[in-house]
C-alpha atoms as a PDB file:
ATOM      1  CA  MET A   1      -7.009  91.239 141.380  1.00  0.00           C
ATOM      2  CA  GLU A   2     -10.166  90.757 139.385  1.00  0.00           C
ATOM      3  CA  ARG A   3      -9.754  89.308 135.995  1.00  0.00           C
ATOM      4  CA  SER A   4     -11.310  90.314 132.586  1.00  0.00           C
ATOM      5  CA  ALA A   5     -11.481  88.581 129.214  1.00  0.00           C
ATOM      6  CA  VAL A   6     -11.670  90.167 125.735  1.00  0.00           C
ATOM      7  CA  LEU A   7     -13.873  88.826 123.004  1.00  0.00           C
ATOM      8  CA  ILE A   8     -13.109  90.265 119.583  1.00  0.00           C
ATOM      9  CA  ASP A   9     -15.315  89.745 116.498  1.00  0.00           C
ATOM     10  CA  GLY A  10     -12.688  89.886 113.789  1.00  0.00           C
ATOM     11  CA  GLY A  11     -15.075  90.595 110.969  1.00  0.00           C
ATOM     12  CA  TYR A  12     -16.397  93.584 112.968  1.00  0.00           C
ATOM     13  CA  VAL A  13     -12.841  94.816 113.504  1.00  0.00           C
ATOM     14  CA  ASP A  14     -12.255  94.543 109.707  1.00  0.00           C
ATOM     15  CA  HIS A  15     -15.232  97.084 109.323  1.00  0.00           C
ATOM     16  CA  VAL A  16     -13.825  99.392 112.143  1.00  0.00           C
ATOM     17  CA  LYS A  17     -10.460  99.399 110.394  1.00  0.00           C
ATOM     18  CA  THR A  18     -12.057 100.363 107.089  1.00  0.00           C
ATOM     19  CA  ALA A  19     -14.234 103.082 108.823  1.00  0.00           C
ATOM     20  CA  PHE A  20     -11.116 104.584 110.455  1.00  0.00           C
ATOM     21  CA  ARG A  21      -8.864 103.968 107.415  1.00  0.00           C
ATOM     22  CA  ALA A  22      -6.496 102.073 109.711  1.00  0.00           C
ATOM     23  CA  SER A  23      -4.282  99.384 108.177  1.00  0.00           C
ATOM     24  CA  ARG A  24      -3.200  97.504 111.260  1.00  0.00           C
ATOM     25  CA  VAL A  25      -4.107  97.008 114.857  1.00  0.00           C
ATOM     26  CA  ASP A  26      -1.930  95.791 117.660  1.00  0.00           C
ATOM     27  CA  PHE A  27      -4.270  93.370 119.272  1.00  0.00           C
ATOM     28  CA  PHE A  28      -2.166  92.720 122.305  1.00  0.00           C
ATOM     29  CA  ARG A  29      -1.918  96.332 123.137  1.00  0.00           C
ATOM     30  CA  LEU A  30      -5.633  96.824 122.471  1.00  0.00           C
ATOM     31  CA  SER A  31      -6.518  93.914 124.744  1.00  0.00           C
ATOM     32  CA  GLN A  32      -4.294  95.188 127.547  1.00  0.00           C
ATOM     33  CA  GLU A  33      -5.779  98.594 127.492  1.00  0.00           C
ATOM     34  CA  LEU A  34      -9.383  97.530 127.141  1.00  0.00           C
ATOM     35  CA  VAL A  35      -9.291  95.490 130.419  1.00  0.00           C
ATOM     36  CA  MET A  36      -7.839  98.152 132.541  1.00  0.00           C
ATOM     37  CA  PRO A  37      -7.853  98.348 135.612  1.00  0.00           C
ATOM     38  CA  TYR A  38      -8.224  94.502 135.688  1.00  0.00           C
ATOM     39  CA  GLU A  39      -5.863  91.698 134.848  1.00  0.00           C
ATOM     40  CA  ARG A  40      -6.448  90.193 131.479  1.00  0.00           C
ATOM     41  CA  PHE A  41      -7.368  86.535 131.741  1.00  0.00           C
ATOM     42  CA  ARG A  42      -7.350  85.878 127.930  1.00  0.00           C
ATOM     43  CA  THR A  43      -8.238  87.397 124.686  1.00  0.00           C
ATOM     44  CA  TYR A  44     -10.522  85.436 122.174  1.00  0.00           C
ATOM     45  CA  TYR A  45     -10.487  86.393 118.529  1.00  0.00           C
ATOM     46  CA  TYR A  46     -13.194  85.077 116.145  1.00  0.00           C
ATOM     47  CA  HIS A  47     -13.102  85.075 112.402  1.00  0.00           C
ATOM     48  CA  ALA A  48     -13.255  82.899 109.278  1.00  0.00           C
ATOM     49  CA  LEU A  49     -10.579  82.329 106.685  1.00  0.00           C
ATOM     50  CA  PRO A  50     -11.315  83.688 103.275  1.00  0.00           C
ATOM     51  CA  TYR A  51     -13.121  81.329 100.991  1.00  0.00           C
ATOM     52  CA  VAL A  52     -11.211  79.219  98.474  1.00  0.00           C
ATOM     53  CA  ASP A  53     -13.080  77.132  95.994  1.00  0.00           C
ATOM     54  CA  ALA A  54     -12.079  73.534  96.489  1.00  0.00           C
ATOM     55  CA  VAL A  55     -12.620  72.594  92.789  1.00  0.00           C
ATOM     56  CA  GLN A  56     -11.185  75.662  90.954  1.00  0.00           C
ATOM     57  CA  PRO A  57      -9.138  77.612  93.415  1.00  0.00           C
ATOM     58  CA  ASP A  58      -8.577  81.234  92.404  1.00  0.00           C
ATOM     59  CA  PRO A  59      -4.990  82.304  92.932  1.00  0.00           C
ATOM     60  CA  ASP A  60      -5.986  85.647  94.535  1.00  0.00           C
ATOM     61  CA  ASP A  61      -8.325  83.780  96.953  1.00  0.00           C
ATOM     62  CA  VAL A  62      -5.435  81.288  97.755  1.00  0.00           C
ATOM     63  CA  ARG A  63      -3.151  84.274  98.468  1.00  0.00           C
ATOM     64  CA  ARG A  64      -5.744  86.132 100.713  1.00  0.00           C
ATOM     65  CA  ARG A  65      -6.274  82.859 102.598  1.00  0.00           C
ATOM     66  CA  GLY A  66      -2.523  82.425 103.073  1.00  0.00           C
ATOM     67  CA  ASN A  67      -2.118  85.971 104.379  1.00  0.00           C
ATOM     68  CA  ALA A  68      -5.151  85.550 106.734  1.00  0.00           C
ATOM     69  CA  GLN A  69      -3.699  82.226 108.084  1.00  0.00           C
ATOM     70  CA  ARG A  70      -0.341  83.849 108.825  1.00  0.00           C
ATOM     71  CA  PHE A  71      -2.140  86.719 110.651  1.00  0.00           C
ATOM     72  CA  LEU A  72      -4.149  84.260 112.716  1.00  0.00           C
ATOM     73  CA  ASP A  73      -1.040  82.205 113.365  1.00  0.00           C
ATOM     74  CA  GLY A  74       0.667  85.323 114.722  1.00  0.00           C
ATOM     75  CA  LEU A  75      -2.269  86.050 117.042  1.00  0.00           C
ATOM     76  CA  SER A  76      -2.139  82.480 118.240  1.00  0.00           C
ATOM     77  CA  PHE A  77       1.386  82.970 119.486  1.00  0.00           C
ATOM     78  CA  LEU A  78       0.587  86.070 121.522  1.00  0.00           C
ATOM     79  CA  ASP A  79       0.406  85.472 125.309  1.00  0.00           C
ATOM     80  CA  ARG A  80      -3.093  84.397 126.438  1.00  0.00           C
ATOM     81  CA  PHE A  81      -4.654  84.633 123.003  1.00  0.00           C
ATOM     82  CA  GLU A  82      -7.140  82.059 121.521  1.00  0.00           C
ATOM     83  CA  VAL A  83      -8.193  82.127 117.931  1.00  0.00           C
ATOM     84  CA  ARG A  84     -11.607  80.633 117.205  1.00  0.00           C
ATOM     85  CA  LEU A  85     -12.480  79.966 113.586  1.00  0.00           C
ATOM     86  CA  GLY A  86     -15.791  79.483 111.816  1.00  0.00           C
ATOM     87  CA  HIS A  87     -15.957  79.126 108.023  1.00  0.00           C
ATOM     88  CA  LEU A  88     -17.496  81.011 105.076  1.00  0.00           C
ATOM     89  CA  GLN A  89     -20.425  79.710 103.165  1.00  0.00           C
ATOM     90  CA  ARG A  90     -20.752  80.673  99.479  1.00  0.00           C
ATOM     91  CA  PHE A  91     -24.183  81.606  98.180  1.00  0.00           C
ATOM     92  CA  ALA A  92     -25.720  83.277  95.194  1.00  0.00           C
ATOM     93  CA  THR A  93     -28.179  86.316  95.190  1.00  0.00           C
ATOM     94  CA  TYR A  94     -29.390  88.524  92.403  1.00  0.00           C
ATOM     95  CA  ASP A  95     -28.907  92.314  92.100  1.00  0.00           C
ATOM     96  CA  ARG A  96     -31.575  94.776  90.903  1.00  0.00           C
ATOM     97  CA  GLN A  97     -30.725  94.144  87.308  1.00  0.00           C
ATOM     98  CA  GLY A  98     -31.157  90.386  87.664  1.00  0.00           C
ATOM     99  CA  SER A  99     -27.562  89.557  87.499  1.00  0.00           C
ATOM    100  CA  ARG A 100     -26.206  86.685  89.678  1.00  0.00           C
ATOM    101  CA  VAL A 101     -23.896  87.702  92.433  1.00  0.00           C
ATOM    102  CA  ILE A 102     -21.720  85.464  94.481  1.00  0.00           C
ATOM    103  CA  ARG A 103     -21.500  86.270  98.245  1.00  0.00           C
ATOM    104  CA  HIS A 104     -20.142  84.814 101.334  1.00  0.00           C
ATOM    105  CA  ARG A 105     -21.459  84.739 104.960  1.00  0.00           C
ATOM    106  CA  GLN A 106     -19.695  83.710 108.064  1.00  0.00           C
ATOM    107  CA  LYS A 107     -20.956  80.593 109.755  1.00  0.00           C
ATOM    108  CA  LEU A 108     -20.386  79.521 113.476  1.00  0.00           C
ATOM    109  CA  VAL A 109     -18.374  82.642 114.278  1.00  0.00           C
ATOM    110  CA  ASP A 110     -21.196  84.270 116.266  1.00  0.00           C
ATOM    111  CA  VAL A 111     -22.069  80.949 117.906  1.00  0.00           C
ATOM    112  CA  LEU A 112     -18.501  80.388 119.067  1.00  0.00           C
ATOM    113  CA  PHE A 113     -18.440  83.880 120.473  1.00  0.00           C
ATOM    114  CA  SER A 114     -21.600  83.596 122.293  1.00  0.00           C
ATOM    115  CA  VAL A 115     -20.954  80.192 123.753  1.00  0.00           C
ATOM    116  CA  ASP A 116     -17.492  81.408 124.993  1.00  0.00           C
ATOM    117  CA  LEU A 117     -19.101  84.409 126.525  1.00  0.00           C
ATOM    118  CA  VAL A 118     -21.646  82.474 128.455  1.00  0.00           C
ATOM    119  CA  GLU A 119     -19.205  79.779 129.454  1.00  0.00           C
ATOM    120  CA  LEU A 120     -16.898  82.512 130.806  1.00  0.00           C
ATOM    121  CA  ALA A 121     -19.709  84.049 132.654  1.00  0.00           C
ATOM    122  CA  TRP A 122     -20.945  80.893 134.413  1.00  0.00           C
ATOM    123  CA  SER A 123     -17.251  79.481 135.079  1.00  0.00           C
ATOM    124  CA  GLY A 124     -16.542  82.188 137.479  1.00  0.00           C
ATOM    125  CA  ARG A 125     -13.044  82.616 135.867  1.00  0.00           C
ATOM    126  CA  VAL A 126     -13.578  86.324 135.191  1.00  0.00           C
ATOM    127  CA  ALA A 127     -15.565  89.130 136.815  1.00  0.00           C
ATOM    128  CA  HIS A 128     -15.662  91.347 133.639  1.00  0.00           C
ATOM    129  CA  VAL A 129     -15.726  90.918 129.940  1.00  0.00           C
ATOM    130  CA  VAL A 130     -14.941  93.299 127.119  1.00  0.00           C
ATOM    131  CA  ILE A 131     -16.601  92.639 123.776  1.00  0.00           C
ATOM    132  CA  VAL A 132     -15.529  94.259 120.459  1.00  0.00           C
ATOM    133  CA  ALA A 133     -18.561  93.683 118.251  1.00  0.00           C
ATOM    134  CA  GLY A 134     -21.710  95.197 116.846  1.00  0.00           C
ATOM    135  CA  ASP A 135     -24.072  92.430 115.950  1.00  0.00           C
ATOM    136  CA  SER A 136     -27.477  91.919 117.412  1.00  0.00           C
ATOM    137  CA  ASP A 137     -26.789  88.117 117.563  1.00  0.00           C
ATOM    138  CA  PHE A 138     -24.865  88.701 120.751  1.00  0.00           C
ATOM    139  CA  VAL A 139     -27.710  90.265 122.708  1.00  0.00           C
ATOM    140  CA  LEU A 140     -28.972  87.104 124.319  1.00  0.00           C
ATOM    141  CA  ALA A 141     -25.488  85.982 125.255  1.00  0.00           C
ATOM    142  CA  VAL A 142     -24.739  89.285 126.876  1.00  0.00           C
ATOM    143  CA  ARG A 143     -27.885  89.002 128.882  1.00  0.00           C
ATOM    144  CA  ALA A 144     -26.981  85.433 130.030  1.00  0.00           C
ATOM    145  CA  ALA A 145     -23.556  86.680 131.004  1.00  0.00           C
ATOM    146  CA  LYS A 146     -24.941  89.582 133.016  1.00  0.00           C
ATOM    147  CA  ALA A 147     -27.401  87.140 134.672  1.00  0.00           C
ATOM    148  CA  ALA A 148     -24.394  85.167 135.826  1.00  0.00           C
ATOM    149  CA  GLY A 149     -22.910  88.299 137.448  1.00  0.00           C
ATOM    150  CA  LEU A 150     -20.551  89.481 134.769  1.00  0.00           C
ATOM    151  CA  VAL A 151     -19.940  93.127 133.978  1.00  0.00           C
ATOM    152  CA  VAL A 152     -20.098  93.497 130.127  1.00  0.00           C
ATOM    153  CA  ARG A 153     -18.163  96.275 128.482  1.00  0.00           C
ATOM    154  CA  LEU A 154     -18.983  97.030 124.789  1.00  0.00           C
ATOM    155  CA  VAL A 155     -16.380  98.522 122.534  1.00  0.00           C
ATOM    156  CA  PHE A 156     -17.742  99.754 119.218  1.00  0.00           C
ATOM    157  CA  ALA A 157     -17.579 102.123 116.264  1.00  0.00           C
ATOM    158  CA  ASP A 158     -20.523 104.011 114.775  1.00  0.00           C
ATOM    159  CA  ARG A 159     -19.316 105.632 111.711  1.00  0.00           C
ATOM    160  CA  GLY A 160     -18.428 105.122 108.038  1.00  0.00           C
ATOM    161  CA  GLY A 161     -20.618 102.016 107.447  1.00  0.00           C
ATOM    162  CA  CYS A 162     -19.598 100.434 110.693  1.00  0.00           C
ATOM    163  CA  HIS A 163     -22.376 100.457 113.290  1.00  0.00           C
ATOM    164  CA  VAL A 164     -23.436  98.756 116.443  1.00  0.00           C
ATOM    165  CA  ASP A 165     -26.853  97.306 117.053  1.00  0.00           C
ATOM    166  CA  ARG A 166     -29.033  99.516 119.351  1.00  0.00           C
ATOM    167  CA  GLU A 167     -30.250  96.439 121.434  1.00  0.00           C
ATOM    168  CA  LEU A 168     -26.621  95.303 121.912  1.00  0.00           C
ATOM    169  CA  ARG A 169     -25.694  98.741 123.185  1.00  0.00           C
ATOM    170  CA  LYS A 170     -28.590  98.740 125.532  1.00  0.00           C
ATOM    171  CA  ALA A 171     -27.867  95.153 126.815  1.00  0.00           C
ATOM    172  CA  CYS A 172     -24.216  95.962 127.901  1.00  0.00           C
ATOM    173  CA  ASP A 173     -23.290  97.509 131.181  1.00  0.00           C
ATOM    174  CA  GLU A 174     -20.526  99.868 129.903  1.00  0.00           C
ATOM    175  CA  ARG A 175     -19.864 101.287 126.427  1.00  0.00           C
ATOM    176  CA  ILE A 176     -16.793 102.672 124.786  1.00  0.00           C
ATOM    177  CA  GLU A 177     -17.167 104.263 121.437  1.00  0.00           C
ATOM    178  CA  LEU A 178     -13.912 104.100 119.420  1.00  0.00           C
ATOM    179  CA  THR A 179     -12.278 107.278 118.274  1.00  0.00           C
ATOM    180  CA  ASP A 180      -9.237 108.196 116.082  1.00  0.00           C
ATOM    181  CA  ALA A 181      -7.193 108.420 119.281  1.00  0.00           C
ATOM    182  CA  HIS A 182      -7.906 104.775 120.175  1.00  0.00           C
ATOM    183  CA  LEU A 183      -6.923 103.561 116.717  1.00  0.00           C
ATOM    184  CA  ALA A 184      -3.745 105.680 116.736  1.00  0.00           C
ATOM    185  CA  ARG A 185      -2.738 103.992 120.006  1.00  0.00           C
ATOM    186  CA  TRP A 186      -3.497 100.628 118.841  1.00  0.00           C
ATOM    187  CA  ALA A 187      -1.762 100.898 115.361  1.00  0.00           C
ATOM    188  CA  SER A 188       1.097  98.557 115.050  1.00  0.00           C
END
């Protein structure tokens, strides 16, 4: 039987959950369903832990990070799941009124995702890959995977502030737009 891998951008799924007002997702069930009719080789989940200032840790940040770590540890114990972590970088911007605003951006997450996608494609371990993502940063990796012979299926949402890049949609072989019915089936 042919095998498929699932690559999940956890930050994107956070946006999907918000758009669908879903509190939880059963990632094992989601992964098994998304690869059908193929055997699931492995699921890769990419994210970054919440930022905690090393000098003056905020108790709320420490609590959020602990909760996120427990969630990721739980995913790591699921059969054939790999958790890949980047990190958050803190930076300051200014709003329209000139007030300083502290923001965070993920670093290395998209790179880890893209490298794994291309490595899977060229290794020959899978014939298909499902990506749950929406970022244009993945377009080149998708093209490289297709050049290696992989069929790439994109799973995405396009509502409530959650969108998918047009070029990413175009680059993939197959597309599944998420619906309320999908999220209801994958609720844990």
